[in-house]
Amino acid sequence: MNKGEQTRQMIIEQSAPVFNKKGIAATAMSDIMDVTKLSKGSLYVHFENKDVLAEAVVDHNLEMLQKKVMAAIGRVDHPKDKLFAYIDAFRNPLKPLVEGGCPMLNFGMEADDQNEVVLEKVAALVNKSQQVIIDIIGKGIQQGVFKADWNYKEFATMMFAMIEGGVLISNTTRKIDKMAVINRNLKKMIEAQLK
């Protein structure tokens, strides 16, 4: 990376938690100037406007989330353990994988009515995340680990929705007890499908 690319990357990395916590609309360029210690002119050398920076930051936050979840899944081999690792990655939303909380939830809710580009980025990771669950279960069925008649594509949607819902509940109540209920019940549902 040349110096310009390094500066651009630094701006993205330092801005990422700010955008993830405050949201795109509420984040001002002065907030970015504060965290990066760069002038407005310097920021505009690397990013045409706040929207361009926000899109780069959304990409960065979503990529960080995906990498951390995939790393957790990658530490185990058994399909059941992979599903449990996915669930456990989100067990404490008050200590999120990405600083500021789940970027799918944060940016997805904000972009819902006002930013089609960001909404598409979030939707892509939502779909990809569910596909990861589907792929794990599908492989487990092929290996004879899970019951062949499991409607696992529907389960993947339900599992993903329950986890994201648990994140929302935990963040709004500032308690993780409901996420513990979701965690425990998802694992029971998975164990019920073991051969």
N, C-alpha and C. Protein backbone atom coordinates (compact mmCIF):
# COMPACT_ATOMS: atom_id res chain seq x y z
N MET A 1 0.83 -1.20 0.00
CA MET A 1 0.00 0.00 0.00
C MET A 1 0.87 1.25 0.00
N ASN A 2 0.52 2.19 -0.85
CA ASN A 2 1.25 3.46 -0.82
C ASN A 2 0.68 4.35 0.30
N LYS A 3 1.30 5.49 0.51
CA LYS A 3 0.90 6.37 1.62
C LYS A 3 -0.56 6.80 1.52
N GLY A 4 -1.02 7.12 0.32
CA GLY A 4 -2.41 7.52 0.13
C GLY A 4 -3.39 6.41 0.48
N GLU A 5 -3.05 5.18 0.06
CA GLU A 5 -3.90 4.02 0.38
C GLU A 5 -3.90 3.73 1.88
N GLN A 6 -2.73 3.92 2.51
CA GLN A 6 -2.64 3.71 3.97
C GLN A 6 -3.52 4.73 4.70
N THR A 7 -3.46 5.99 4.25
CA THR A 7 -4.28 7.03 4.89
C THR A 7 -5.76 6.73 4.68
N ARG A 8 -6.11 6.34 3.49
CA ARG A 8 -7.51 6.00 3.20
C ARG A 8 -7.98 4.87 4.11
N GLN A 9 -7.15 3.84 4.25
CA GLN A 9 -7.50 2.70 5.11
C GLN A 9 -7.62 3.12 6.57
N MET A 10 -6.72 3.99 7.03
CA MET A 10 -6.77 4.50 8.40
C MET A 10 -8.08 5.26 8.64
N ILE A 11 -8.48 6.06 7.67
CA ILE A 11 -9.73 6.82 7.80
C ILE A 11 -10.91 5.85 7.94
N ILE A 12 -10.95 4.84 7.11
CA ILE A 12 -12.03 3.84 7.17
C ILE A 12 -12.04 3.15 8.53
N GLU A 13 -10.88 2.65 8.97
CA GLU A 13 -10.80 1.90 10.23
C GLU A 13 -11.18 2.76 11.43
N GLN A 14 -10.72 4.02 11.45
CA GLN A 14 -11.03 4.87 12.59
C GLN A 14 -12.46 5.40 12.56
N SER A 15 -13.02 5.52 11.36
CA SER A 15 -14.40 5.99 11.21
C SER A 15 -15.42 4.89 11.46
N ALA A 16 -15.01 3.64 11.25
CA ALA A 16 -15.94 2.51 11.31
C ALA A 16 -16.76 2.46 12.61
N PRO A 17 -16.11 2.54 13.79
CA PRO A 17 -16.92 2.49 15.02
C PRO A 17 -17.85 3.69 15.18
N VAL A 18 -17.42 4.84 14.69
CA VAL A 18 -18.24 6.05 14.82
C VAL A 18 -19.53 5.89 14.02
N PHE A 19 -19.41 5.50 12.76
CA PHE A 19 -20.59 5.28 11.93
C PHE A 19 -21.46 4.16 12.49
N ASN A 20 -20.83 3.10 13.00
CA ASN A 20 -21.59 1.95 13.49
C ASN A 20 -22.37 2.32 14.75
N LYS A 21 -21.83 3.19 15.59
CA LYS A 21 -22.52 3.61 16.82
C LYS A 21 -23.55 4.69 16.55
N LYS A 22 -23.16 5.73 15.81
CA LYS A 22 -24.02 6.90 15.62
C LYS A 22 -24.99 6.76 14.45
N GLY A 23 -24.61 5.94 13.49
CA GLY A 23 -25.39 5.84 12.26
C GLY A 23 -24.82 6.78 11.21
N ILE A 24 -25.20 6.54 9.98
CA ILE A 24 -24.68 7.33 8.87
C ILE A 24 -25.19 8.76 8.93
N ALA A 25 -26.49 8.91 9.13
CA ALA A 25 -27.10 10.25 9.13
C ALA A 25 -26.57 11.12 10.26
N ALA A 26 -26.37 10.53 11.43
CA ALA A 26 -25.95 11.31 12.60
C ALA A 26 -24.45 11.56 12.67
N THR A 27 -23.68 10.87 11.85
CA THR A 27 -22.23 11.07 11.85
C THR A 27 -21.89 12.26 10.95
N ALA A 28 -21.19 13.21 11.52
CA ALA A 28 -20.76 14.40 10.78
C ALA A 28 -19.29 14.25 10.39
N MET A 29 -18.89 14.96 9.38
CA MET A 29 -17.48 14.94 9.00
C MET A 29 -16.61 15.45 10.14
N SER A 30 -17.15 16.33 10.99
CA SER A 30 -16.38 16.80 12.15
C SER A 30 -16.10 15.65 13.12
N ASP A 31 -17.01 14.65 13.21
CA ASP A 31 -16.76 13.46 14.03
C ASP A 31 -15.58 12.68 13.47
N ILE A 32 -15.52 12.60 12.15
CA ILE A 32 -14.44 11.86 11.49
C ILE A 32 -13.12 12.63 11.65
N MET A 33 -13.20 13.96 11.58
CA MET A 33 -12.00 14.77 11.79
C MET A 33 -11.47 14.55 13.20
N ASP A 34 -12.37 14.44 14.19
CA ASP A 34 -11.96 14.22 15.58
C ASP A 34 -11.21 12.91 15.76
N VAL A 35 -11.74 11.83 15.18
CA VAL A 35 -11.10 10.52 15.40
C VAL A 35 -9.86 10.30 14.55
N THR A 36 -9.83 10.91 13.37
CA THR A 36 -8.67 10.69 12.49
C THR A 36 -7.58 11.75 12.67
N LYS A 37 -7.95 12.87 13.29
CA LYS A 37 -7.03 14.01 13.48
C LYS A 37 -6.61 14.60 12.13
N LEU A 38 -7.49 14.45 11.13
CA LEU A 38 -7.22 15.01 9.81
C LEU A 38 -8.14 16.21 9.57
N SER A 39 -7.71 17.10 8.70
CA SER A 39 -8.54 18.24 8.34
C SER A 39 -9.63 17.79 7.37
N LYS A 40 -10.65 18.62 7.24
CA LYS A 40 -11.73 18.31 6.30
C LYS A 40 -11.17 18.17 4.89
N GLY A 41 -10.25 19.05 4.53
CA GLY A 41 -9.64 18.99 3.20
C GLY A 41 -8.93 17.67 2.96
N SER A 42 -8.21 17.20 3.99
CA SER A 42 -7.50 15.92 3.87
C SER A 42 -8.48 14.76 3.68
N LEU A 43 -9.60 14.83 4.39
CA LEU A 43 -10.61 13.77 4.26
C LEU A 43 -11.17 13.75 2.84
N TYR A 44 -11.43 14.95 2.30
CA TYR A 44 -12.02 15.03 0.96
C TYR A 44 -11.03 14.66 -0.14
N VAL A 45 -9.74 14.63 0.16
CA VAL A 45 -8.76 14.14 -0.80
C VAL A 45 -9.00 12.64 -1.04
N HIS A 46 -9.39 11.93 0.03
CA HIS A 46 -9.54 10.47 -0.03
C HIS A 46 -10.97 10.01 -0.29
N PHE A 47 -11.93 10.85 0.09
CA PHE A 47 -13.34 10.50 -0.09
C PHE A 47 -14.09 11.71 -0.62
N GLU A 48 -14.76 11.52 -1.74
CA GLU A 48 -15.46 12.60 -2.43
C GLU A 48 -16.47 13.31 -1.52
N ASN A 49 -17.16 12.50 -0.68
CA ASN A 49 -18.15 13.06 0.25
C ASN A 49 -18.43 12.05 1.36
N LYS A 50 -19.28 12.42 2.27
CA LYS A 50 -19.58 11.54 3.41
C LYS A 50 -20.23 10.24 2.96
N ASP A 51 -21.05 10.28 1.93
CA ASP A 51 -21.71 9.06 1.46
C ASP A 51 -20.71 8.03 0.95
N VAL A 52 -19.70 8.50 0.23
CA VAL A 52 -18.66 7.59 -0.29
C VAL A 52 -17.89 6.97 0.89
N LEU A 53 -17.56 7.79 1.87
CA LEU A 53 -16.89 7.27 3.08
C LEU A 53 -17.80 6.28 3.80
N ALA A 54 -19.06 6.63 3.96
CA ALA A 54 -20.01 5.75 4.66
C ALA A 54 -20.10 4.39 3.99
N GLU A 55 -20.14 4.36 2.66
CA GLU A 55 -20.21 3.09 1.95
C GLU A 55 -18.96 2.25 2.19
N ALA A 56 -17.80 2.90 2.21
CA ALA A 56 -16.54 2.18 2.48
C ALA A 56 -16.53 1.65 3.91
N VAL A 57 -17.07 2.43 4.83
CA VAL A 57 -17.14 2.04 6.24
C VAL A 57 -18.11 0.87 6.44
N VAL A 58 -19.24 0.93 5.75
CA VAL A 58 -20.21 -0.18 5.83
C VAL A 58 -19.55 -1.46 5.34
N ASP A 59 -18.86 -1.39 4.19
CA ASP A 59 -18.13 -2.55 3.67
C ASP A 59 -17.15 -3.08 4.71
N HIS A 60 -16.41 -2.19 5.33
CA HIS A 60 -15.40 -2.57 6.32
C HIS A 60 -16.05 -3.27 7.52
N ASN A 61 -17.10 -2.67 8.07
CA ASN A 61 -17.75 -3.25 9.24
C ASN A 61 -18.38 -4.60 8.94
N LEU A 62 -19.04 -4.72 7.79
CA LEU A 62 -19.65 -5.99 7.41
C LEU A 62 -18.59 -7.06 7.19
N GLU A 63 -17.48 -6.67 6.57
CA GLU A 63 -16.38 -7.61 6.34
C GLU A 63 -15.77 -8.07 7.68
N MET A 64 -15.61 -7.14 8.61
CA MET A 64 -15.07 -7.51 9.93
C MET A 64 -15.98 -8.52 10.62
N LEU A 65 -17.28 -8.27 10.58
CA LEU A 65 -18.25 -9.18 11.20
C LEU A 65 -18.15 -10.56 10.55
N GLN A 66 -18.17 -10.58 9.23
CA GLN A 66 -18.11 -11.85 8.51
C GLN A 66 -16.82 -12.62 8.84
N LYS A 67 -15.69 -11.94 8.86
CA LYS A 67 -14.42 -12.59 9.15
C LYS A 67 -14.42 -13.20 10.55
N LYS A 68 -14.96 -12.48 11.52
CA LYS A 68 -14.96 -12.98 12.91
C LYS A 68 -15.88 -14.18 13.07
N VAL A 69 -17.04 -14.15 12.41
CA VAL A 69 -17.95 -15.29 12.48
C VAL A 69 -17.33 -16.50 11.79
N MET A 70 -16.75 -16.28 10.61
CA MET A 70 -16.13 -17.39 9.88
C MET A 70 -14.92 -17.96 10.63
N ALA A 71 -14.19 -17.10 11.33
CA ALA A 71 -13.06 -17.58 12.13
C ALA A 71 -13.56 -18.47 13.27
N ALA A 72 -14.66 -18.07 13.90
CA ALA A 72 -15.23 -18.88 14.99
C ALA A 72 -15.68 -20.24 14.47
N ILE A 73 -16.34 -20.23 13.32
CA ILE A 73 -16.81 -21.49 12.72
C ILE A 73 -15.62 -22.34 12.29
N GLY A 74 -14.58 -21.70 11.80
CA GLY A 74 -13.41 -22.41 11.29
C GLY A 74 -12.56 -23.09 12.35
N ARG A 75 -12.79 -22.75 13.60
CA ARG A 75 -12.00 -23.36 14.69
C ARG A 75 -12.47 -24.77 15.04
N VAL A 76 -13.63 -25.18 14.52
CA VAL A 76 -14.17 -26.51 14.83
C VAL A 76 -14.47 -27.24 13.53
N ASP A 77 -14.60 -28.56 13.61
CA ASP A 77 -14.79 -29.37 12.41
C ASP A 77 -16.18 -29.97 12.28
N HIS A 78 -16.75 -30.41 13.38
CA HIS A 78 -18.04 -31.11 13.35
C HIS A 78 -19.17 -30.13 12.99
N PRO A 79 -20.09 -30.51 12.10
CA PRO A 79 -21.18 -29.60 11.71
C PRO A 79 -21.99 -29.04 12.89
N LYS A 80 -22.27 -29.87 13.87
CA LYS A 80 -23.00 -29.38 15.05
C LYS A 80 -22.18 -28.31 15.77
N ASP A 81 -20.89 -28.56 15.92
CA ASP A 81 -20.01 -27.60 16.59
C ASP A 81 -19.90 -26.29 15.80
N LYS A 82 -19.93 -26.39 14.47
CA LYS A 82 -19.89 -25.18 13.65
C LYS A 82 -21.15 -24.33 13.88
N LEU A 83 -22.31 -24.97 13.93
CA LEU A 83 -23.55 -24.23 14.20
C LEU A 83 -23.51 -23.61 15.60
N PHE A 84 -23.03 -24.36 16.57
CA PHE A 84 -22.92 -23.84 17.94
C PHE A 84 -21.95 -22.67 17.98
N ALA A 85 -20.86 -22.77 17.23
CA ALA A 85 -19.87 -21.68 17.19
C ALA A 85 -20.49 -20.42 16.60
N TYR A 86 -21.31 -20.59 15.57
CA TYR A 86 -22.01 -19.46 14.96
C TYR A 86 -22.90 -18.80 16.01
N ILE A 87 -23.69 -19.60 16.71
CA ILE A 87 -24.60 -19.08 17.74
C ILE A 87 -23.80 -18.40 18.85
N ASP A 88 -22.74 -19.05 19.31
CA ASP A 88 -21.94 -18.51 20.42
C ASP A 88 -21.21 -17.22 20.06
N ALA A 89 -20.94 -17.02 18.78
CA ALA A 89 -20.27 -15.78 18.35
C ALA A 89 -21.11 -14.55 18.74
N PHE A 90 -22.41 -14.74 18.85
CA PHE A 90 -23.33 -13.63 19.16
C PHE A 90 -23.89 -13.70 20.58
N ARG A 91 -23.31 -14.56 21.43
CA ARG A 91 -23.93 -14.81 22.74
C ARG A 91 -23.98 -13.59 23.65
N ASN A 92 -23.07 -12.63 23.46
CA ASN A 92 -23.12 -11.43 24.30
C ASN A 92 -23.10 -10.18 23.43
N PRO A 93 -24.28 -9.73 23.00
CA PRO A 93 -24.34 -8.54 22.15
C PRO A 93 -23.83 -7.27 22.82
N LEU A 94 -23.69 -7.30 24.15
CA LEU A 94 -23.16 -6.13 24.85
C LEU A 94 -21.64 -6.06 24.72
N LYS A 95 -21.05 -7.17 24.23
CA LYS A 95 -19.63 -7.21 23.85
C LYS A 95 -19.58 -7.69 22.40
N PRO A 96 -19.97 -6.82 21.48
CA PRO A 96 -20.16 -7.24 20.08
C PRO A 96 -18.86 -7.59 19.37
N LEU A 97 -19.02 -8.37 18.29
CA LEU A 97 -17.89 -8.76 17.46
C LEU A 97 -17.26 -7.54 16.77
N VAL A 98 -18.10 -6.54 16.47
CA VAL A 98 -17.64 -5.32 15.81
C VAL A 98 -18.00 -4.15 16.72
N GLU A 99 -17.02 -3.29 16.95
CA GLU A 99 -17.26 -2.16 17.84
C GLU A 99 -18.46 -1.34 17.38
N GLY A 100 -19.38 -1.12 18.31
CA GLY A 100 -20.58 -0.36 17.99
C GLY A 100 -21.81 -1.23 17.79
N GLY A 101 -21.61 -2.55 17.74
CA GLY A 101 -22.75 -3.46 17.59
C GLY A 101 -22.77 -4.15 16.25
N CYS A 102 -23.84 -4.89 16.03
CA CYS A 102 -23.97 -5.65 14.79
C CYS A 102 -24.23 -4.70 13.62
N PRO A 103 -23.29 -4.60 12.67
CA PRO A 103 -23.48 -3.67 11.57
C PRO A 103 -24.64 -4.04 10.64
N MET A 104 -24.98 -5.33 10.58
CA MET A 104 -26.13 -5.70 9.75
C MET A 104 -27.39 -5.06 10.32
N LEU A 105 -27.54 -5.15 11.62
CA LEU A 105 -28.71 -4.58 12.28
C LEU A 105 -28.67 -3.06 12.26
N ASN A 106 -27.53 -2.50 12.64
CA ASN A 106 -27.40 -1.04 12.72
C ASN A 106 -27.63 -0.37 11.36
N PHE A 107 -26.85 -0.79 10.37
CA PHE A 107 -26.95 -0.14 9.06
C PHE A 107 -28.21 -0.56 8.31
N GLY A 108 -28.63 -1.80 8.51
CA GLY A 108 -29.84 -2.28 7.84
C GLY A 108 -31.08 -1.51 8.24
N MET A 109 -31.22 -1.26 9.53
CA MET A 109 -32.39 -0.51 10.00
C MET A 109 -32.34 0.93 9.52
N GLU A 110 -31.17 1.53 9.58
CA GLU A 110 -31.05 2.93 9.16
C GLU A 110 -31.25 3.08 7.65
N ALA A 111 -30.72 2.15 6.89
CA ALA A 111 -30.76 2.27 5.43
C ALA A 111 -32.09 1.86 4.84
N ASP A 112 -32.94 1.24 5.64
CA ASP A 112 -34.19 0.67 5.18
C ASP A 112 -34.96 1.59 4.22
N ASP A 113 -35.11 2.83 4.58
CA ASP A 113 -35.90 3.75 3.76
C ASP A 113 -35.09 4.81 3.03
N GLN A 114 -33.78 4.88 3.30
CA GLN A 114 -33.09 6.05 2.78
C GLN A 114 -31.78 5.81 2.04
N ASN A 115 -31.27 4.60 2.03
CA ASN A 115 -29.99 4.41 1.36
C ASN A 115 -29.96 3.04 0.69
N GLU A 116 -30.34 3.01 -0.56
CA GLU A 116 -30.46 1.76 -1.30
C GLU A 116 -29.12 1.04 -1.44
N VAL A 117 -28.04 1.78 -1.62
CA VAL A 117 -26.71 1.16 -1.79
C VAL A 117 -26.32 0.42 -0.52
N VAL A 118 -26.47 1.07 0.64
CA VAL A 118 -26.14 0.43 1.92
C VAL A 118 -27.08 -0.74 2.18
N LEU A 119 -28.35 -0.56 1.89
CA LEU A 119 -29.33 -1.63 2.09
C LEU A 119 -28.95 -2.88 1.29
N GLU A 120 -28.50 -2.69 0.06
CA GLU A 120 -28.07 -3.83 -0.77
C GLU A 120 -26.84 -4.53 -0.19
N LYS A 121 -25.91 -3.75 0.36
CA LYS A 121 -24.72 -4.34 0.98
C LYS A 121 -25.11 -5.20 2.18
N VAL A 122 -26.01 -4.67 3.02
CA VAL A 122 -26.46 -5.40 4.20
C VAL A 122 -27.25 -6.64 3.78
N ALA A 123 -28.14 -6.48 2.82
CA ALA A 123 -28.95 -7.61 2.34
C ALA A 123 -28.06 -8.74 1.81
N ALA A 124 -26.98 -8.36 1.14
CA ALA A 124 -26.06 -9.38 0.61
C ALA A 124 -25.45 -10.20 1.74
N LEU A 125 -25.07 -9.53 2.85
CA LEU A 125 -24.48 -10.28 3.96
C LEU A 125 -25.54 -11.07 4.72
N VAL A 126 -26.76 -10.54 4.81
CA VAL A 126 -27.85 -11.30 5.43
C VAL A 126 -28.03 -12.61 4.67
N ASN A 127 -28.12 -12.52 3.35
CA ASN A 127 -28.28 -13.73 2.53
C ASN A 127 -27.08 -14.66 2.64
N LYS A 128 -25.90 -14.09 2.64
CA LYS A 128 -24.67 -14.89 2.74
C LYS A 128 -24.60 -15.61 4.09
N SER A 129 -25.01 -14.91 5.15
CA SER A 129 -24.98 -15.49 6.50
C SER A 129 -25.92 -16.68 6.59
N GLN A 130 -27.12 -16.53 6.04
CA GLN A 130 -28.06 -17.65 6.05
C GLN A 130 -27.53 -18.80 5.19
N GLN A 131 -26.85 -18.48 4.10
CA GLN A 131 -26.29 -19.52 3.24
C GLN A 131 -25.19 -20.30 3.96
N VAL A 132 -24.43 -19.62 4.80
CA VAL A 132 -23.40 -20.31 5.60
C VAL A 132 -24.06 -21.38 6.47
N ILE A 133 -25.16 -21.01 7.13
CA ILE A 133 -25.88 -21.96 7.99
C ILE A 133 -26.42 -23.11 7.14
N ILE A 134 -27.02 -22.79 6.01
CA ILE A 134 -27.56 -23.81 5.10
C ILE A 134 -26.45 -24.77 4.66
N ASP A 135 -25.31 -24.23 4.29
CA ASP A 135 -24.19 -25.06 3.81
C ASP A 135 -23.67 -25.99 4.90
N ILE A 136 -23.58 -25.48 6.12
CA ILE A 136 -23.10 -26.31 7.24
C ILE A 136 -24.06 -27.48 7.46
N ILE A 137 -25.35 -27.17 7.50
CA ILE A 137 -26.33 -28.24 7.74
C ILE A 137 -26.39 -29.20 6.57
N GLY A 138 -26.37 -28.67 5.34
CA GLY A 138 -26.40 -29.54 4.17
C GLY A 138 -25.24 -30.52 4.16
N LYS A 139 -24.06 -30.04 4.51
CA LYS A 139 -22.89 -30.93 4.57
C LYS A 139 -23.07 -31.95 5.70
N GLY A 140 -23.64 -31.49 6.82
CA GLY A 140 -23.89 -32.40 7.94
C GLY A 140 -24.87 -33.51 7.57
N ILE A 141 -25.86 -33.18 6.77
CA ILE A 141 -26.82 -34.19 6.31
C ILE A 141 -26.10 -35.19 5.40
N GLN A 142 -25.27 -34.69 4.48
CA GLN A 142 -24.51 -35.57 3.59
C GLN A 142 -23.59 -36.51 4.37
N GLN A 143 -23.05 -36.01 5.49
CA GLN A 143 -22.14 -36.82 6.31
C GLN A 143 -22.90 -37.76 7.25
N GLY A 144 -24.21 -37.65 7.26
CA GLY A 144 -25.00 -38.51 8.14
C GLY A 144 -25.06 -38.03 9.58
N VAL A 145 -24.72 -36.78 9.81
CA VAL A 145 -24.73 -36.21 11.17
C VAL A 145 -26.15 -35.78 11.56
N PHE A 146 -26.85 -35.15 10.60
CA PHE A 146 -28.21 -34.65 10.85
C PHE A 146 -29.23 -35.50 10.09
N LYS A 147 -30.47 -35.46 10.57
CA LYS A 147 -31.57 -36.17 9.93
C LYS A 147 -31.79 -35.64 8.51
N ALA A 148 -32.03 -36.56 7.60
CA ALA A 148 -32.18 -36.20 6.19
C ALA A 148 -33.44 -35.39 5.91
N ASP A 149 -34.45 -35.54 6.76
CA ASP A 149 -35.72 -34.84 6.50
C ASP A 149 -35.81 -33.47 7.18
N TRP A 150 -34.69 -32.98 7.71
CA TRP A 150 -34.69 -31.67 8.38
C TRP A 150 -34.95 -30.58 7.35
N ASN A 151 -35.94 -29.73 7.61
CA ASN A 151 -36.21 -28.58 6.73
C ASN A 151 -35.21 -27.49 7.11
N TYR A 152 -33.98 -27.72 6.74
CA TYR A 152 -32.88 -26.90 7.26
C TYR A 152 -32.80 -25.51 6.63
N LYS A 153 -33.36 -25.34 5.44
CA LYS A 153 -33.34 -24.00 4.84
C LYS A 153 -34.25 -23.06 5.63
N GLU A 154 -35.41 -23.59 6.05
CA GLU A 154 -36.28 -22.78 6.91
C GLU A 154 -35.62 -22.54 8.27
N PHE A 155 -34.97 -23.57 8.79
CA PHE A 155 -34.29 -23.42 10.08
C PHE A 155 -33.22 -22.34 10.00
N ALA A 156 -32.48 -22.28 8.90
CA ALA A 156 -31.42 -21.28 8.74
C ALA A 156 -32.00 -19.87 8.84
N THR A 157 -33.15 -19.65 8.21
CA THR A 157 -33.80 -18.35 8.30
C THR A 157 -34.21 -18.06 9.73
N MET A 158 -34.79 -19.04 10.39
CA MET A 158 -35.24 -18.87 11.77
C MET A 158 -34.06 -18.63 12.71
N MET A 159 -33.00 -19.39 12.54
CA MET A 159 -31.82 -19.23 13.40
C MET A 159 -31.23 -17.83 13.24
N PHE A 160 -31.09 -17.40 12.00
CA PHE A 160 -30.54 -16.08 11.75
C PHE A 160 -31.43 -14.99 12.36
N ALA A 161 -32.73 -15.11 12.14
CA ALA A 161 -33.67 -14.11 12.67
C ALA A 161 -33.69 -14.10 14.20
N MET A 162 -33.60 -15.26 14.81
CA MET A 162 -33.59 -15.32 16.27
C MET A 162 -32.32 -14.67 16.84
N ILE A 163 -31.20 -14.91 16.21
CA ILE A 163 -29.95 -14.31 16.68
C ILE A 163 -30.01 -12.78 16.54
N GLU A 164 -30.40 -12.31 15.37
CA GLU A 164 -30.47 -10.86 15.16
C GLU A 164 -31.52 -10.22 16.08
N GLY A 165 -32.63 -10.92 16.29
CA GLY A 165 -33.64 -10.44 17.23
C GLY A 165 -33.09 -10.38 18.64
N GLY A 166 -32.31 -11.38 19.00
CA GLY A 166 -31.67 -11.38 20.32
C GLY A 166 -30.70 -10.24 20.50
N VAL A 167 -29.99 -9.90 19.43
CA VAL A 167 -29.08 -8.75 19.46
C VAL A 167 -29.89 -7.48 19.74
N LEU A 168 -30.99 -7.31 19.02
CA LEU A 168 -31.85 -6.14 19.21
C LEU A 168 -32.39 -6.07 20.64
N ILE A 169 -32.91 -7.18 21.14
CA ILE A 169 -33.45 -7.20 22.50
C ILE A 169 -32.36 -6.86 23.52
N SER A 170 -31.21 -7.48 23.37
CA SER A 170 -30.10 -7.25 24.31
C SER A 170 -29.64 -5.80 24.29
N ASN A 171 -29.52 -5.24 23.09
CA ASN A 171 -29.05 -3.86 22.98
C ASN A 171 -30.06 -2.85 23.52
N THR A 172 -31.34 -3.12 23.36
CA THR A 172 -32.33 -2.16 23.85
C THR A 172 -32.60 -2.30 25.33
N THR A 173 -32.48 -3.51 25.88
CA THR A 173 -32.73 -3.71 27.32
C THR A 173 -31.45 -3.64 28.14
N ARG A 174 -30.30 -3.71 27.45
CA ARG A 174 -28.99 -3.75 28.11
C ARG A 174 -28.83 -4.98 29.01
N LYS A 175 -29.50 -6.06 28.61
CA LYS A 175 -29.41 -7.34 29.32
C LYS A 175 -29.24 -8.44 28.29
N ILE A 176 -28.54 -9.52 28.67
CA ILE A 176 -28.33 -10.61 27.72
C ILE A 176 -29.12 -11.86 28.09
N ASP A 177 -30.02 -11.76 29.05
CA ASP A 177 -30.77 -12.94 29.48
C ASP A 177 -31.63 -13.53 28.36
N LYS A 178 -32.22 -12.70 27.53
CA LYS A 178 -33.06 -13.21 26.43
C LYS A 178 -32.19 -13.87 25.36
N MET A 179 -30.98 -13.36 25.15
CA MET A 179 -30.07 -13.99 24.20
C MET A 179 -29.66 -15.37 24.71
N ALA A 180 -29.52 -15.50 26.01
CA ALA A 180 -29.19 -16.81 26.59
C ALA A 180 -30.32 -17.81 26.31
N VAL A 181 -31.57 -17.35 26.38
CA VAL A 181 -32.73 -18.20 26.07
C VAL A 181 -32.68 -18.62 24.60
N ILE A 182 -32.41 -17.67 23.72
CA ILE A 182 -32.33 -17.95 22.29
C ILE A 182 -31.19 -18.94 22.01
N ASN A 183 -30.03 -18.69 22.61
CA ASN A 183 -28.86 -19.54 22.44
C ASN A 183 -29.19 -20.99 22.85
N ARG A 184 -29.75 -21.14 24.04
CA ARG A 184 -30.07 -22.47 24.58
C ARG A 184 -31.09 -23.20 23.69
N ASN A 185 -32.12 -22.50 23.26
CA ASN A 185 -33.17 -23.14 22.48
C ASN A 185 -32.73 -23.47 21.06
N LEU A 186 -31.92 -22.63 20.44
CA LEU A 186 -31.39 -22.97 19.12
C LEU A 186 -30.53 -24.23 19.20
N LYS A 187 -29.73 -24.33 20.23
CA LYS A 187 -28.89 -25.53 20.38
C LYS A 187 -29.73 -26.79 20.60
N LYS A 188 -30.82 -26.66 21.36
CA LYS A 188 -31.72 -27.80 21.56
C LYS A 188 -32.36 -28.22 20.23
N MET A 189 -32.75 -27.23 19.42
CA MET A 189 -33.35 -27.53 18.13
C MET A 189 -32.36 -28.23 17.21
N ILE A 190 -31.11 -27.83 17.27
CA ILE A 190 -30.06 -28.47 16.46
C ILE A 190 -29.83 -29.90 16.96
N GLU A 191 -29.71 -30.05 18.27
CA GLU A 191 -29.47 -31.40 18.83
C GLU A 191 -30.62 -32.35 18.51
N ALA A 192 -31.83 -31.83 18.41
CA ALA A 192 -32.99 -32.67 18.08
C ALA A 192 -32.91 -33.22 16.65
N GLN A 193 -32.07 -32.62 15.83
CA GLN A 193 -31.92 -33.07 14.44
C GLN A 193 -30.72 -33.98 14.24
N LEU A 194 -29.98 -34.28 15.32
CA LEU A 194 -28.86 -35.21 15.20
C LEU A 194 -29.38 -36.63 15.00
N LYS A 195 -28.66 -37.39 14.19
CA LYS A 195 -29.04 -38.79 13.94
C LYS A 195 -28.72 -39.65 15.13
